[in-house]
């Protein structure tokens, strides 16, 4: 189990369910309980992209930015490409100890 600090909230990141049990999503963010769930059988890039998406969801919620789901998807896609192309190791979000 991994935890991430997002704006002072400690989110638990779990990879316990396959995509087939995730109701059409590769991840979810339970904002009330600070839990991010990722599909355990998703590919590496999908997991990292999904984790970035769920982090944006949490930021959107806690800062009351009011981004739509479409805007969050666009922001995630742009950030994922820019970060990974420029050598940022997003795997540390999932695999590096706190």
PDB file of N, CA and C in Angstrom:
ATOM      1  N   UNK A   1       0.843  -1.177   0.000  1.00  0.00           N
ATOM      2  CA  UNK A   1       0.000   0.000   0.000  1.00  0.00           C
ATOM      3  C   UNK A   1       0.888   1.240   0.000  1.00  0.00           C
ATOM      4  N   UNK A   2       0.555   2.168  -0.825  1.00  0.00           N
ATOM      5  CA  UNK A   2       1.294   3.418  -0.983  1.00  0.00           C
ATOM      6  C   UNK A   2       0.413   4.555  -0.498  1.00  0.00           C
ATOM      7  N   UNK A   3       1.021   5.572   0.100  1.00  0.00           N
ATOM      8  CA  UNK A   3       0.264   6.774   0.451  1.00  0.00           C
ATOM      9  C   UNK A   3       0.900   7.973  -0.230  1.00  0.00           C
ATOM     10  N   UNK A   4       0.052   8.907  -0.635  1.00  0.00           N
ATOM     11  CA  UNK A   4       0.494  10.151  -1.247  1.00  0.00           C
ATOM     12  C   UNK A   4      -0.073  11.314  -0.451  1.00  0.00           C
ATOM     13  N   UNK A   5       0.732  12.334  -0.265  1.00  0.00           N
ATOM     14  CA  UNK A   5       0.280  13.560   0.374  1.00  0.00           C
ATOM     15  C   UNK A   5      -0.184  14.496  -0.735  1.00  0.00           C
ATOM     16  N   UNK A   6      -1.467  14.816  -0.726  1.00  0.00           N
ATOM     17  CA  UNK A   6      -2.043  15.736  -1.706  1.00  0.00           C
ATOM     18  C   UNK A   6      -2.675  16.878  -0.924  1.00  0.00           C
ATOM     19  N   UNK A   7      -2.003  18.018  -0.913  1.00  0.00           N
ATOM     20  CA  UNK A   7      -2.478  19.209  -0.212  1.00  0.00           C
ATOM     21  C   UNK A   7      -2.705  18.946   1.280  1.00  0.00           C
ATOM     22  N   UNK A   8      -1.863  18.103   1.864  1.00  0.00           N
ATOM     23  CA  UNK A   8      -1.969  17.809   3.284  1.00  0.00           C
ATOM     24  C   UNK A   8      -2.915  16.674   3.622  1.00  0.00           C
ATOM     25  N   UNK A   9      -3.579  16.125   2.637  1.00  0.00           N
ATOM     26  CA  UNK A   9      -4.451  14.964   2.835  1.00  0.00           C
ATOM     27  C   UNK A   9      -3.660  13.720   2.438  1.00  0.00           C
ATOM     28  N   UNK A  10      -3.719  12.694   3.256  1.00  0.00           N
ATOM     29  CA  UNK A  10      -2.964  11.473   2.992  1.00  0.00           C
ATOM     30  C   UNK A  10      -3.861  10.461   2.278  1.00  0.00           C
ATOM     31  N   UNK A  11      -3.598  10.296   0.999  1.00  0.00           N
ATOM     32  CA  UNK A  11      -4.363   9.379   0.161  1.00  0.00           C
ATOM     33  C   UNK A  11      -3.673   8.027   0.106  1.00  0.00           C
ATOM     34  N   UNK A  12      -4.439   6.989   0.346  1.00  0.00           N
ATOM     35  CA  UNK A  12      -3.964   5.626   0.186  1.00  0.00           C
ATOM     36  C   UNK A  12      -4.169   5.220  -1.266  1.00  0.00           C
ATOM     37  N   UNK A  13      -3.147   4.630  -1.865  1.00  0.00           N
ATOM     38  CA  UNK A  13      -3.236   4.163  -3.254  1.00  0.00           C
ATOM     39  C   UNK A  13      -3.238   2.640  -3.229  1.00  0.00           C
ATOM     40  N   UNK A  14      -4.304   2.061  -3.756  1.00  0.00           N
ATOM     41  CA  UNK A  14      -4.450   0.601  -3.797  1.00  0.00           C
ATOM     42  C   UNK A  14      -4.535   0.121  -5.234  1.00  0.00           C
ATOM     43  N   UNK A  15      -3.972  -1.044  -5.458  1.00  0.00           N
ATOM     44  CA  UNK A  15      -4.094  -1.733  -6.745  1.00  0.00           C
ATOM     45  C   UNK A  15      -4.638  -3.120  -6.450  1.00  0.00           C
ATOM     46  N   UNK A  16      -5.935  -3.224  -6.259  1.00  0.00           N
ATOM     47  CA  UNK A  16      -6.488  -4.493  -5.788  1.00  0.00           C
ATOM     48  C   UNK A  16      -7.514  -5.130  -6.716  1.00  0.00           C
ATOM     49  N   UNK A  17      -8.063  -4.371  -7.658  1.00  0.00           N
ATOM     50  CA  UNK A  17      -9.125  -4.891  -8.518  1.00  0.00           C
ATOM     51  C   UNK A  17      -8.690  -4.899  -9.972  1.00  0.00           C
ATOM     52  N   UNK A  18      -9.145  -5.899 -10.739  1.00  0.00           N
ATOM     53  CA  UNK A  18      -8.881  -5.885 -12.181  1.00  0.00           C
ATOM     54  C   UNK A  18      -9.793  -4.889 -12.896  1.00  0.00           C
ATOM     55  N   UNK A  19      -9.400  -4.508 -14.106  1.00  0.00           N
ATOM     56  CA  UNK A  19     -10.196  -3.584 -14.920  1.00  0.00           C
ATOM     57  C   UNK A  19     -11.649  -4.036 -15.039  1.00  0.00           C
ATOM     58  N   UNK A  20     -11.869  -5.332 -15.142  1.00  0.00           N
ATOM     59  CA  UNK A  20     -13.229  -5.853 -15.320  1.00  0.00           C
ATOM     60  C   UNK A  20     -14.143  -5.538 -14.133  1.00  0.00           C
ATOM     61  N   UNK A  21     -13.580  -5.235 -12.975  1.00  0.00           N
ATOM     62  CA  UNK A  21     -14.374  -4.914 -11.787  1.00  0.00           C
ATOM     63  C   UNK A  21     -14.419  -3.416 -11.488  1.00  0.00           C
ATOM     64  N   UNK A  22     -13.829  -2.598 -12.360  1.00  0.00           N
ATOM     65  CA  UNK A  22     -13.720  -1.163 -12.091  1.00  0.00           C
ATOM     66  C   UNK A  22     -14.808  -0.338 -12.794  1.00  0.00           C
ATOM     67  N   UNK A  23     -15.858  -0.983 -13.273  1.00  0.00           N
ATOM     68  CA  UNK A  23     -17.011  -0.297 -13.870  1.00  0.00           C
ATOM     69  C   UNK A  23     -16.613   0.656 -14.998  1.00  0.00           C
ATOM     70  N   UNK A  24     -15.734   0.183 -15.882  1.00  0.00           N
ATOM     71  CA  UNK A  24     -15.353   0.975 -17.041  1.00  0.00           C
ATOM     72  C   UNK A  24     -14.256   1.994 -16.798  1.00  0.00           C
ATOM     73  N   UNK A  25     -13.705   2.028 -15.600  1.00  0.00           N
ATOM     74  CA  UNK A  25     -12.626   2.963 -15.269  1.00  0.00           C
ATOM     75  C   UNK A  25     -11.342   2.205 -14.972  1.00  0.00           C
ATOM     76  N   UNK A  26     -10.226   2.860 -15.197  1.00  0.00           N
ATOM     77  CA  UNK A  26      -8.947   2.259 -14.805  1.00  0.00           C
ATOM     78  C   UNK A  26      -8.544   2.723 -13.410  1.00  0.00           C
ATOM     79  N   UNK A  27      -9.348   3.631 -12.831  1.00  0.00           N
ATOM     80  CA  UNK A  27      -9.079   4.089 -11.480  1.00  0.00           C
ATOM     81  C   UNK A  27     -10.231   4.911 -10.936  1.00  0.00           C
ATOM     82  N   UNK A  28     -10.234   5.073  -9.625  1.00  0.00           N
ATOM     83  CA  UNK A  28     -11.242   5.890  -8.957  1.00  0.00           C
ATOM     84  C   UNK A  28     -10.578   6.659  -7.824  1.00  0.00           C
ATOM     85  N   UNK A  29     -11.232   7.726  -7.417  1.00  0.00           N
ATOM     86  CA  UNK A  29     -10.756   8.522  -6.293  1.00  0.00           C
ATOM     87  C   UNK A  29     -11.914   8.719  -5.325  1.00  0.00           C
ATOM     88  N   UNK A  30     -11.818   8.095  -4.161  1.00  0.00           N
ATOM     89  CA  UNK A  30     -12.819   8.262  -3.109  1.00  0.00           C
ATOM     90  C   UNK A  30     -12.385   9.469  -2.283  1.00  0.00           C
ATOM     91  N   UNK A  31     -12.977  10.606  -2.575  1.00  0.00           N
ATOM     92  CA  UNK A  31     -12.574  11.865  -1.955  1.00  0.00           C
ATOM     93  C   UNK A  31     -12.965  11.933  -0.485  1.00  0.00           C
ATOM     94  N   UNK A  32     -14.026  11.253  -0.093  1.00  0.00           N
ATOM     95  CA  UNK A  32     -14.460  11.272   1.300  1.00  0.00           C
ATOM     96  C   UNK A  32     -13.544  10.466   2.218  1.00  0.00           C
ATOM     97  N   UNK A  33     -12.925   9.419   1.669  1.00  0.00           N
ATOM     98  CA  UNK A  33     -12.072   8.542   2.472  1.00  0.00           C
ATOM     99  C   UNK A  33     -10.599   8.608   2.077  1.00  0.00           C
ATOM    100  N   UNK A  34     -10.260   9.493   1.148  1.00  0.00           N
ATOM    101  CA  UNK A  34      -8.874   9.692   0.690  1.00  0.00           C
ATOM    102  C   UNK A  34      -8.235   8.390   0.206  1.00  0.00           C
ATOM    103  N   UNK A  35      -8.936   7.731  -0.721  1.00  0.00           N
ATOM    104  CA  UNK A  35      -8.439   6.474  -1.293  1.00  0.00           C
ATOM    105  C   UNK A  35      -8.440   6.594  -2.808  1.00  0.00           C
ATOM    106  N   UNK A  36      -7.318   6.263  -3.414  1.00  0.00           N
ATOM    107  CA  UNK A  36      -7.214   6.156  -4.865  1.00  0.00           C
ATOM    108  C   UNK A  36      -7.069   4.677  -5.184  1.00  0.00           C
ATOM    109  N   UNK A  37      -7.917   4.195  -6.063  1.00  0.00           N
ATOM    110  CA  UNK A  37      -7.914   2.794  -6.467  1.00  0.00           C
ATOM    111  C   UNK A  37      -7.506   2.719  -7.930  1.00  0.00           C
ATOM    112  N   UNK A  38      -6.519   1.874  -8.238  1.00  0.00           N
ATOM    113  CA  UNK A  38      -6.069   1.665  -9.613  1.00  0.00           C
ATOM    114  C   UNK A  38      -6.280   0.210  -9.999  1.00  0.00           C
ATOM    115  N   UNK A  39      -6.625  -0.023 -11.252  1.00  0.00           N
ATOM    116  CA  UNK A  39      -6.786  -1.397 -11.734  1.00  0.00           C
ATOM    117  C   UNK A  39      -5.431  -2.103 -11.670  1.00  0.00           C
ATOM    118  N   UNK A  40      -5.406  -3.248 -11.016  1.00  0.00           N
ATOM    119  CA  UNK A  40      -4.130  -3.942 -10.822  1.00  0.00           C
ATOM    120  C   UNK A  40      -3.607  -4.626 -12.078  1.00  0.00           C
ATOM    121  N   UNK A  41      -4.453  -4.796 -13.085  1.00  0.00           N
ATOM    122  CA  UNK A  41      -3.999  -5.448 -14.310  1.00  0.00           C
ATOM    123  C   UNK A  41      -3.837  -4.467 -15.474  1.00  0.00           C
ATOM    124  N   UNK A  42      -3.890  -3.181 -15.178  1.00  0.00           N
ATOM    125  CA  UNK A  42      -3.665  -2.176 -16.220  1.00  0.00           C
ATOM    126  C   UNK A  42      -2.181  -2.123 -16.562  1.00  0.00           C
ATOM    127  N   UNK A  43      -1.867  -1.698 -17.765  1.00  0.00           N
ATOM    128  CA  UNK A  43      -0.482  -1.518 -18.162  1.00  0.00           C
ATOM    129  C   UNK A  43       0.166  -0.395 -17.368  1.00  0.00           C
ATOM    130  N   UNK A  44       1.479  -0.373 -17.355  1.00  0.00           N
ATOM    131  CA  UNK A  44       2.232   0.602 -16.555  1.00  0.00           C
ATOM    132  C   UNK A  44       1.873   2.044 -16.903  1.00  0.00           C
ATOM    133  N   UNK A  45       1.865   2.389 -18.187  1.00  0.00           N
ATOM    134  CA  UNK A  45       1.524   3.757 -18.584  1.00  0.00           C
ATOM    135  C   UNK A  45       0.094   4.107 -18.190  1.00  0.00           C
ATOM    136  N   UNK A  46      -0.822   3.159 -18.319  1.00  0.00           N
ATOM    137  CA  UNK A  46      -2.214   3.417 -17.945  1.00  0.00           C
ATOM    138  C   UNK A  46      -2.319   3.671 -16.441  1.00  0.00           C
ATOM    139  N   UNK A  47      -1.606   2.886 -15.639  1.00  0.00           N
ATOM    140  CA  UNK A  47      -1.631   3.102 -14.191  1.00  0.00           C
ATOM    141  C   UNK A  47      -1.111   4.490 -13.832  1.00  0.00           C
ATOM    142  N   UNK A  48      -0.002   4.872 -14.427  1.00  0.00           N
ATOM    143  CA  UNK A  48       0.601   6.168 -14.106  1.00  0.00           C
ATOM    144  C   UNK A  48      -0.265   7.321 -14.594  1.00  0.00           C
ATOM    145  N   UNK A  49      -0.814   7.194 -15.782  1.00  0.00           N
ATOM    146  CA  UNK A  49      -1.701   8.213 -16.321  1.00  0.00           C
ATOM    147  C   UNK A  49      -2.958   8.327 -15.462  1.00  0.00           C
ATOM    148  N   UNK A  50      -3.495   7.198 -15.065  1.00  0.00           N
ATOM    149  CA  UNK A  50      -4.679   7.178 -14.215  1.00  0.00           C
ATOM    150  C   UNK A  50      -4.376   7.780 -12.849  1.00  0.00           C
ATOM    151  N   UNK A  51      -3.233   7.460 -12.284  1.00  0.00           N
ATOM    152  CA  UNK A  51      -2.863   8.034 -10.993  1.00  0.00           C
ATOM    153  C   UNK A  51      -2.774   9.554 -11.094  1.00  0.00           C
ATOM    154  N   UNK A  52      -2.171  10.053 -12.155  1.00  0.00           N
ATOM    155  CA  UNK A  52      -2.094  11.496 -12.367  1.00  0.00           C
ATOM    156  C   UNK A  52      -3.503  12.091 -12.467  1.00  0.00           C
ATOM    157  N   UNK A  53      -4.386  11.418 -13.177  1.00  0.00           N
ATOM    158  CA  UNK A  53      -5.773  11.864 -13.298  1.00  0.00           C
ATOM    159  C   UNK A  53      -6.439  11.956 -11.917  1.00  0.00           C
ATOM    160  N   UNK A  54      -6.246  10.941 -11.099  1.00  0.00           N
ATOM    161  CA  UNK A  54      -6.886  10.912  -9.778  1.00  0.00           C
ATOM    162  C   UNK A  54      -6.278  11.963  -8.843  1.00  0.00           C
ATOM    163  N   UNK A  55      -5.006  12.247  -8.992  1.00  0.00           N
ATOM    164  CA  UNK A  55      -4.385  13.333  -8.216  1.00  0.00           C
ATOM    165  C   UNK A  55      -5.022  14.664  -8.597  1.00  0.00           C
ATOM    166  N   UNK A  56      -5.244  14.878  -9.894  1.00  0.00           N
ATOM    167  CA  UNK A  56      -5.904  16.106 -10.342  1.00  0.00           C
ATOM    168  C   UNK A  56      -7.329  16.170  -9.789  1.00  0.00           C
ATOM    169  N   UNK A  57      -8.017  15.026  -9.761  1.00  0.00           N
ATOM    170  CA  UNK A  57      -9.369  14.982  -9.177  1.00  0.00           C
ATOM    171  C   UNK A  57      -9.335  15.458  -7.723  1.00  0.00           C
ATOM    172  N   UNK A  58      -8.360  14.976  -6.959  1.00  0.00           N
ATOM    173  CA  UNK A  58      -8.254  15.354  -5.544  1.00  0.00           C
ATOM    174  C   UNK A  58      -7.951  16.853  -5.402  1.00  0.00           C
ATOM    175  N   UNK A  59      -7.029  17.351  -6.206  1.00  0.00           N
ATOM    176  CA  UNK A  59      -6.699  18.785  -6.165  1.00  0.00           C
ATOM    177  C   UNK A  59      -7.921  19.610  -6.532  1.00  0.00           C
ATOM    178  N   UNK A  60      -8.620  19.184  -7.569  1.00  0.00           N
ATOM    179  CA  UNK A  60      -9.834  19.875  -8.007  1.00  0.00           C
ATOM    180  C   UNK A  60     -10.852  19.954  -6.865  1.00  0.00           C
ATOM    181  N   UNK A  61     -11.011  18.872  -6.135  1.00  0.00           N
ATOM    182  CA  UNK A  61     -11.967  18.816  -5.037  1.00  0.00           C
ATOM    183  C   UNK A  61     -11.540  19.702  -3.866  1.00  0.00           C
ATOM    184  N   UNK A  62     -10.317  19.526  -3.407  1.00  0.00           N
ATOM    185  CA  UNK A  62      -9.868  20.235  -2.202  1.00  0.00           C
ATOM    186  C   UNK A  62      -9.708  21.739  -2.418  1.00  0.00           C
ATOM    187  N   UNK A  63      -9.357  22.146  -3.620  1.00  0.00           N
ATOM    188  CA  UNK A  63      -9.206  23.571  -3.906  1.00  0.00           C
ATOM    189  C   UNK A  63     -10.461  24.179  -4.525  1.00  0.00           C
ATOM    190  N   UNK A  64     -11.486  23.342  -4.694  1.00  0.00           N
ATOM    191  CA  UNK A  64     -12.769  23.794  -5.237  1.00  0.00           C
ATOM    192  C   UNK A  64     -12.599  24.537  -6.570  1.00  0.00           C
ATOM    193  N   UNK A  65     -11.801  23.940  -7.453  1.00  0.00           N
ATOM    194  CA  UNK A  65     -11.528  24.552  -8.756  1.00  0.00           C
ATOM    195  C   UNK A  65     -12.723  24.406  -9.697  1.00  0.00           C
ATOM    196  N   UNK A  66     -13.462  23.341  -9.549  1.00  0.00           N
ATOM    197  CA  UNK A  66     -14.671  23.079 -10.354  1.00  0.00           C
ATOM    198  C   UNK A  66     -14.363  22.759 -11.813  1.00  0.00           C
ATOM    199  N   UNK A  67     -13.292  22.025 -12.042  1.00  0.00           N
ATOM    200  CA  UNK A  67     -13.006  21.543 -13.389  1.00  0.00           C
ATOM    201  C   UNK A  67     -13.998  20.444 -13.745  1.00  0.00           C
ATOM    202  N   UNK A  68     -14.422  20.419 -14.993  1.00  0.00           N
ATOM    203  CA  UNK A  68     -15.280  19.328 -15.458  1.00  0.00           C
ATOM    204  C   UNK A  68     -14.418  18.084 -15.659  1.00  0.00           C
ATOM    205  N   UNK A  69     -15.068  16.934 -15.767  1.00  0.00           N
ATOM    206  CA  UNK A  69     -14.342  15.688 -16.028  1.00  0.00           C
ATOM    207  C   UNK A  69     -13.577  15.784 -17.351  1.00  0.00           C
ATOM    208  N   UNK A  70     -14.178  16.423 -18.346  1.00  0.00           N
ATOM    209  CA  UNK A  70     -13.497  16.588 -19.638  1.00  0.00           C
ATOM    210  C   UNK A  70     -12.227  17.416 -19.485  1.00  0.00           C
ATOM    211  N   UNK A  71     -12.289  18.476 -18.710  1.00  0.00           N
ATOM    212  CA  UNK A  71     -11.102  19.321 -18.489  1.00  0.00           C
ATOM    213  C   UNK A  71     -10.040  18.572 -17.702  1.00  0.00           C
ATOM    214  N   UNK A  72     -10.445  17.767 -16.737  1.00  0.00           N
ATOM    215  CA  UNK A  72      -9.478  16.967 -15.971  1.00  0.00           C
ATOM    216  C   UNK A  72      -8.773  15.979 -16.895  1.00  0.00           C
ATOM    217  N   UNK A  73      -9.527  15.342 -17.785  1.00  0.00           N
ATOM    218  CA  UNK A  73      -8.927  14.409 -18.750  1.00  0.00           C
ATOM    219  C   UNK A  73      -7.930  15.122 -19.659  1.00  0.00           C
ATOM    220  N   UNK A  74      -8.284  16.309 -20.115  1.00  0.00           N
ATOM    221  CA  UNK A  74      -7.379  17.069 -20.986  1.00  0.00           C
ATOM    222  C   UNK A  74      -6.114  17.475 -20.237  1.00  0.00           C
ATOM    223  N   UNK A  75      -6.273  17.952 -19.025  1.00  0.00           N
ATOM    224  CA  UNK A  75      -5.132  18.359 -18.213  1.00  0.00           C
ATOM    225  C   UNK A  75      -4.226  17.173 -17.913  1.00  0.00           C
ATOM    226  N   UNK A  76      -4.824  16.053 -17.581  1.00  0.00           N
ATOM    227  CA  UNK A  76      -4.041  14.837 -17.307  1.00  0.00           C
ATOM    228  C   UNK A  76      -3.254  14.407 -18.536  1.00  0.00           C
ATOM    229  N   UNK A  77      -3.879  14.407 -19.708  1.00  0.00           N
ATOM    230  CA  UNK A  77      -3.193  13.984 -20.933  1.00  0.00           C
ATOM    231  C   UNK A  77      -2.018  14.901 -21.245  1.00  0.00           C
ATOM    232  N   UNK A  78      -2.240  16.200 -21.121  1.00  0.00           N
ATOM    233  CA  UNK A  78      -1.163  17.152 -21.388  1.00  0.00           C
ATOM    234  C   UNK A  78      -0.030  17.038 -20.388  1.00  0.00           C
ATOM    235  N   UNK A  79      -0.354  16.944 -19.109  1.00  0.00           N
ATOM    236  CA  UNK A  79       0.688  16.809 -18.078  1.00  0.00           C
ATOM    237  C   UNK A  79       1.444  15.493 -18.216  1.00  0.00           C
ATOM    238  N   UNK A  80       0.723  14.407 -18.465  1.00  0.00           N
ATOM    239  CA  UNK A  80       1.376  13.107 -18.609  1.00  0.00           C
ATOM    240  C   UNK A  80       2.398  13.141 -19.736  1.00  0.00           C
ATOM    241  N   UNK A  81       1.998  13.682 -20.877  1.00  0.00           N
ATOM    242  CA  UNK A  81       2.920  13.758 -22.015  1.00  0.00           C
ATOM    243  C   UNK A  81       4.106  14.654 -21.693  1.00  0.00           C
ATOM    244  N   UNK A  82       3.858  15.838 -21.177  1.00  0.00           N
ATOM    245  CA  UNK A  82       4.940  16.783 -20.899  1.00  0.00           C
ATOM    246  C   UNK A  82       5.908  16.243 -19.848  1.00  0.00           C
ATOM    247  N   UNK A  83       5.380  15.638 -18.802  1.00  0.00           N
ATOM    248  CA  UNK A  83       6.243  15.124 -17.734  1.00  0.00           C
ATOM    249  C   UNK A  83       7.062  13.925 -18.201  1.00  0.00           C
ATOM    250  N   UNK A  84       6.413  12.955 -18.827  1.00  0.00           N
ATOM    251  CA  UNK A  84       7.145  11.745 -19.223  1.00  0.00           C
ATOM    252  C   UNK A  84       8.127  12.016 -20.356  1.00  0.00           C
ATOM    253  N   UNK A  85       7.775  12.866 -21.302  1.00  0.00           N
ATOM    254  CA  UNK A  85       8.676  13.197 -22.405  1.00  0.00           C
ATOM    255  C   UNK A  85       9.913  13.932 -21.908  1.00  0.00           C
ATOM    256  N   UNK A  86       9.760  14.662 -20.830  1.00  0.00           N
ATOM    257  CA  UNK A  86      10.871  15.444 -20.296  1.00  0.00           C
ATOM    258  C   UNK A  86      11.577  14.783 -19.116  1.00  0.00           C
ATOM    259  N   UNK A  87      11.412  13.487 -18.995  1.00  0.00           N
ATOM    260  CA  UNK A  87      12.211  12.711 -18.058  1.00  0.00           C
ATOM    261  C   UNK A  87      11.743  12.650 -16.617  1.00  0.00           C
ATOM    262  N   UNK A  88      10.537  13.114 -16.326  1.00  0.00           N
ATOM    263  CA  UNK A  88      10.027  13.001 -14.959  1.00  0.00           C
ATOM    264  C   UNK A  88       9.580  11.559 -14.733  1.00  0.00           C
ATOM    265  N   UNK A  89      10.082  10.946 -13.686  1.00  0.00           N
ATOM    266  CA  UNK A  89       9.776   9.551 -13.397  1.00  0.00           C
ATOM    267  C   UNK A  89       8.518   9.466 -12.537  1.00  0.00           C
ATOM    268  N   UNK A  90       7.383   9.280 -13.171  1.00  0.00           N
ATOM    269  CA  UNK A  90       6.121   9.181 -12.452  1.00  0.00           C
ATOM    270  C   UNK A  90       6.004   7.872 -11.675  1.00  0.00           C
ATOM    271  N   UNK A  91       6.853   6.906 -11.989  1.00  0.00           N
ATOM    272  CA  UNK A  91       6.824   5.640 -11.254  1.00  0.00           C
ATOM    273  C   UNK A  91       7.119   5.842  -9.775  1.00  0.00           C
ATOM    274  N   UNK A  92       7.852   6.886  -9.450  1.00  0.00           N
ATOM    275  CA  UNK A  92       8.123   7.175  -8.034  1.00  0.00           C
ATOM    276  C   UNK A  92       6.827   7.404  -7.253  1.00  0.00           C
ATOM    277  N   UNK A  93       5.791   7.909  -7.910  1.00  0.00           N
ATOM    278  CA  UNK A  93       4.507   8.107  -7.228  1.00  0.00           C
ATOM    279  C   UNK A  93       3.898   6.802  -6.760  1.00  0.00           C
ATOM    280  N   UNK A  94       4.174   5.723  -7.485  1.00  0.00           N
ATOM    281  CA  UNK A  94       3.614   4.425  -7.131  1.00  0.00           C
ATOM    282  C   UNK A  94       4.575   3.535  -6.353  1.00  0.00           C
ATOM    283  N   UNK A  95       5.838   3.616  -6.663  1.00  0.00           N
ATOM    284  CA  UNK A  95       6.752   2.588  -6.167  1.00  0.00           C
ATOM    285  C   UNK A  95       7.822   3.037  -5.203  1.00  0.00           C
ATOM    286  N   UNK A  96       8.100   4.317  -5.116  1.00  0.00           N
ATOM    287  CA  UNK A  96       9.126   4.800  -4.209  1.00  0.00           C
ATOM    288  C   UNK A  96       8.550   4.921  -2.804  1.00  0.00           C
ATOM    289  N   UNK A  97       9.314   4.499  -1.800  1.00  0.00           N
ATOM    290  CA  UNK A  97       8.868   4.631  -0.420  1.00  0.00           C
ATOM    291  C   UNK A  97       8.739   6.086  -0.043  1.00  0.00           C
ATOM    292  N   UNK A  98       7.781   6.370   0.836  1.00  0.00           N
ATOM    293  CA  UNK A  98       7.555   7.746   1.315  1.00  0.00           C
ATOM    294  C   UNK A  98       8.724   8.258   2.105  1.00  0.00           C
TER     295      UNK A  98
END
